Amino acid sequence: MAHPKSRISKQRKRKRRTHYKTPIPQLATCQTTGEKHLMHRAYKVDGNLYYNGKMIIQTDVEVEE
């Protein structure tokens, strides 16, 4: 069984892990609405839900006078 010969210090371990960073999220622009959104995610524009440039759920907004 593998067994470490000596313990790795916290500082040495953390130096090695400093290069692990979260990537910048990829943004896409919708061709129909022109709205910026995360890729492969549904997004709302004026209360309507869009995915892949197509309206999935349409919400009717009532105007009170």
C-alpha atoms as a PDB file:
ATOM      1  CA  MET A   1       0.000   0.000   0.000  1.00  0.00           C
ATOM      2  CA  ALA A   2       1.227   3.488  -0.795  1.00  0.00           C
ATOM      3  CA  HIS A   3       2.380   5.437   2.217  1.00  0.00           C
ATOM      4  CA  PRO A   4       4.008   8.895   2.191  1.00  0.00           C
ATOM      5  CA  LYS A   5       7.578   8.937   3.446  1.00  0.00           C
ATOM      6  CA  SER A   6       7.199  12.396   4.977  1.00  0.00           C
ATOM      7  CA  ARG A   7       4.348  14.791   5.529  1.00  0.00           C
ATOM      8  CA  ILE A   8       3.912  17.613   2.986  1.00  0.00           C
ATOM      9  CA  SER A   9       3.654  20.988   4.710  1.00  0.00           C
ATOM     10  CA  LYS A  10       0.571  23.210   4.359  1.00  0.00           C
ATOM     11  CA  GLN A  11       2.593  25.886   2.590  1.00  0.00           C
ATOM     12  CA  ARG A  12       3.978  23.479   0.004  1.00  0.00           C
ATOM     13  CA  LYS A  13       0.554  21.952  -0.606  1.00  0.00           C
ATOM     14  CA  ARG A  14      -1.084  25.375  -1.032  1.00  0.00           C
ATOM     15  CA  LYS A  15       1.645  26.586  -3.404  1.00  0.00           C
ATOM     16  CA  ARG A  16       0.893  23.634  -5.650  1.00  0.00           C
ATOM     17  CA  ARG A  17      -2.830  24.331  -5.605  1.00  0.00           C
ATOM     18  CA  THR A  18      -2.630  28.065  -6.373  1.00  0.00           C
ATOM     19  CA  HIS A  19      -2.942  27.412 -10.100  1.00  0.00           C
ATOM     20  CA  TYR A  20      -6.390  25.843  -9.785  1.00  0.00           C
ATOM     21  CA  LYS A  21      -8.738  28.688 -10.649  1.00  0.00           C
ATOM     22  CA  THR A  22     -12.361  28.780 -11.671  1.00  0.00           C
ATOM     23  CA  PRO A  23     -12.783  29.551 -15.366  1.00  0.00           C
ATOM     24  CA  ILE A  24     -14.516  32.704 -16.598  1.00  0.00           C
ATOM     25  CA  PRO A  25     -18.140  31.888 -17.497  1.00  0.00           C
ATOM     26  CA  GLN A  26     -18.823  31.813 -21.235  1.00  0.00           C
ATOM     27  CA  LEU A  27     -21.395  34.353 -22.388  1.00  0.00           C
ATOM     28  CA  ALA A  28     -23.429  34.160 -25.557  1.00  0.00           C
ATOM     29  CA  THR A  29     -25.615  36.750 -27.284  1.00  0.00           C
ATOM     30  CA  CYS A  30     -29.134  35.772 -28.297  1.00  0.00           C
ATOM     31  CA  GLN A  31     -29.780  36.297 -32.002  1.00  0.00           C
ATOM     32  CA  THR A  32     -33.478  37.094 -31.548  1.00  0.00           C
ATOM     33  CA  THR A  33     -33.420  39.346 -28.469  1.00  0.00           C
ATOM     34  CA  GLY A  34     -29.787  40.515 -28.393  1.00  0.00           C
ATOM     35  CA  GLU A  35     -29.585  39.684 -24.683  1.00  0.00           C
ATOM     36  CA  LYS A  36     -26.364  38.324 -23.156  1.00  0.00           C
ATOM     37  CA  HIS A  37     -26.764  35.069 -21.215  1.00  0.00           C
ATOM     38  CA  LEU A  38     -24.839  32.026 -19.980  1.00  0.00           C
ATOM     39  CA  MET A  39     -24.376  29.359 -22.621  1.00  0.00           C
ATOM     40  CA  HIS A  40     -26.693  26.306 -22.456  1.00  0.00           C
ATOM     41  CA  ARG A  41     -28.975  28.026 -19.928  1.00  0.00           C
ATOM     42  CA  ALA A  42     -32.491  29.422 -20.187  1.00  0.00           C
ATOM     43  CA  TYR A  43     -32.811  33.194 -19.645  1.00  0.00           C
ATOM     44  CA  LYS A  44     -35.577  35.729 -19.069  1.00  0.00           C
ATOM     45  CA  VAL A  45     -36.253  38.792 -21.207  1.00  0.00           C
ATOM     46  CA  ASP A  46     -39.236  41.004 -20.294  1.00  0.00           C
ATOM     47  CA  GLY A  47     -40.761  38.193 -18.233  1.00  0.00           C
ATOM     48  CA  ASN A  48     -40.587  35.606 -21.054  1.00  0.00           C
ATOM     49  CA  LEU A  49     -38.326  32.581 -20.790  1.00  0.00           C
ATOM     50  CA  TYR A  50     -36.030  31.876 -23.757  1.00  0.00           C
ATOM     51  CA  TYR A  51     -33.715  29.002 -24.614  1.00  0.00           C
ATOM     52  CA  ASN A  52     -31.632  28.647 -27.751  1.00  0.00           C
ATOM     53  CA  GLY A  53     -33.269  31.735 -29.276  1.00  0.00           C
ATOM     54  CA  LYS A  54     -36.779  30.331 -28.944  1.00  0.00           C
ATOM     55  CA  MET A  55     -39.477  31.413 -26.503  1.00  0.00           C
ATOM     56  CA  ILE A  56     -40.232  28.570 -24.103  1.00  0.00           C
ATOM     57  CA  ILE A  57     -42.665  30.187 -21.671  1.00  0.00           C
ATOM     58  CA  GLN A  58     -44.610  33.335 -22.459  1.00  0.00           C
ATOM     59  CA  THR A  59     -45.987  35.371 -19.577  1.00  0.00           C
ATOM     60  CA  ASP A  60     -48.742  37.863 -20.155  1.00  0.00           C
ATOM     61  CA  VAL A  61     -48.042  41.137 -18.358  1.00  0.00           C
ATOM     62  CA  GLU A  62     -51.198  42.953 -17.305  1.00  0.00           C
ATOM     63  CA  VAL A  63     -51.071  46.738 -17.348  1.00  0.00           C
ATOM     64  CA  GLU A  64     -53.070  48.424 -14.595  1.00  0.00           C
ATOM     65  CA  GLU A  65     -54.542  51.813 -15.422  1.00  0.00           C
END
